[in-house]
Amino acid sequence: MTDAELKGIIKEAVEDYRTGNAVYYSKEEAFALMDAHIAKKRANNTLPPQSQ
């Protein structure tokens, strides 16, 4: 799954400002957290590089 596909799925999930652990996240916050998570995974080599 590419980052773009993942973002598409996450975008649908946060479209109506989903909650996580009783904390409300805006779309921007949700995307920032997701991007940080993807970057961390890639840095730890637990997520393979995106193939084009």
C-alpha atoms as a PDB file:
ATOM      1  CA  MET A   1       0.000   0.000   0.000  1.00  0.00           C
ATOM      2  CA  THR A   2       1.401   3.380  -0.945  1.00  0.00           C
ATOM      3  CA  ASP A   3       1.343   6.474   1.252  1.00  0.00           C
ATOM      4  CA  ALA A   4      -1.198   7.997  -1.155  1.00  0.00           C
ATOM      5  CA  GLU A   5      -3.533   5.017  -0.747  1.00  0.00           C
ATOM      6  CA  LEU A   6      -3.077   5.120   3.020  1.00  0.00           C
ATOM      7  CA  LYS A   7      -3.831   8.838   3.092  1.00  0.00           C
ATOM      8  CA  GLY A   8      -6.988   8.226   1.057  1.00  0.00           C
ATOM      9  CA  ILE A   9      -8.208   5.728   3.633  1.00  0.00           C
ATOM     10  CA  ILE A  10      -7.255   7.964   6.556  1.00  0.00           C
ATOM     11  CA  LYS A  11      -8.893  10.979   4.893  1.00  0.00           C
ATOM     12  CA  GLU A  12     -12.188   9.095   4.750  1.00  0.00           C
ATOM     13  CA  ALA A  13     -11.809   8.022   8.368  1.00  0.00           C
ATOM     14  CA  VAL A  14     -11.144  11.549   9.664  1.00  0.00           C
ATOM     15  CA  GLU A  15     -13.594  13.283   7.334  1.00  0.00           C
ATOM     16  CA  ASP A  16     -15.993  13.892  10.199  1.00  0.00           C
ATOM     17  CA  TYR A  17     -13.306  14.561  12.849  1.00  0.00           C
ATOM     18  CA  ARG A  18     -12.946  11.135  14.389  1.00  0.00           C
ATOM     19  CA  THR A  19     -11.885  10.772  18.019  1.00  0.00           C
ATOM     20  CA  GLY A  20      -9.004   8.756  19.390  1.00  0.00           C
ATOM     21  CA  ASN A  21      -8.509   8.154  23.127  1.00  0.00           C
ATOM     22  CA  ALA A  22     -11.227  10.745  23.829  1.00  0.00           C
ATOM     23  CA  VAL A  23      -9.103  13.472  22.189  1.00  0.00           C
ATOM     24  CA  TYR A  24     -10.525  15.333  19.224  1.00  0.00           C
ATOM     25  CA  TYR A  25      -8.179  15.791  16.284  1.00  0.00           C
ATOM     26  CA  SER A  26      -8.689  18.170  13.415  1.00  0.00           C
ATOM     27  CA  LYS A  27      -7.979  16.845   9.928  1.00  0.00           C
ATOM     28  CA  GLU A  28      -4.674  18.736   9.909  1.00  0.00           C
ATOM     29  CA  GLU A  29      -3.615  17.222  13.238  1.00  0.00           C
ATOM     30  CA  ALA A  30      -4.617  13.746  12.105  1.00  0.00           C
ATOM     31  CA  PHE A  31      -2.577  14.069   8.894  1.00  0.00           C
ATOM     32  CA  ALA A  32       0.428  15.455  10.821  1.00  0.00           C
ATOM     33  CA  LEU A  33       0.311  12.535  13.254  1.00  0.00           C
ATOM     34  CA  MET A  34      -0.030  10.048  10.394  1.00  0.00           C
ATOM     35  CA  ASP A  35       2.884  11.607   8.469  1.00  0.00           C
ATOM     36  CA  ALA A  36       5.058  11.484  11.603  1.00  0.00           C
ATOM     37  CA  HIS A  37       4.088   7.844  12.148  1.00  0.00           C
ATOM     38  CA  ILE A  38       4.952   6.921   8.536  1.00  0.00           C
ATOM     39  CA  ALA A  39       8.279   8.778   8.769  1.00  0.00           C
ATOM     40  CA  LYS A  40       9.117   7.005  12.037  1.00  0.00           C
ATOM     41  CA  LYS A  41       8.231   3.595  10.577  1.00  0.00           C
ATOM     42  CA  ARG A  42      10.340   4.270   7.493  1.00  0.00           C
ATOM     43  CA  ALA A  43      13.247   5.486   9.656  1.00  0.00           C
ATOM     44  CA  ASN A  44      13.052   2.255  11.645  1.00  0.00           C
ATOM     45  CA  ASN A  45      12.967   0.275   8.384  1.00  0.00           C
ATOM     46  CA  THR A  46       9.692  -1.367   9.372  1.00  0.00           C
ATOM     47  CA  LEU A  47       7.893   0.114   6.386  1.00  0.00           C
ATOM     48  CA  PRO A  48       9.307  -0.682   2.942  1.00  0.00           C
ATOM     49  CA  PRO A  49      10.128   2.223   0.617  1.00  0.00           C
ATOM     50  CA  GLN A  50       7.292   3.231  -1.663  1.00  0.00           C
ATOM     51  CA  SER A  51       7.609   1.652  -5.093  1.00  0.00           C
ATOM     52  CA  GLN A  52       6.717   3.761  -8.102  1.00  0.00           C
END
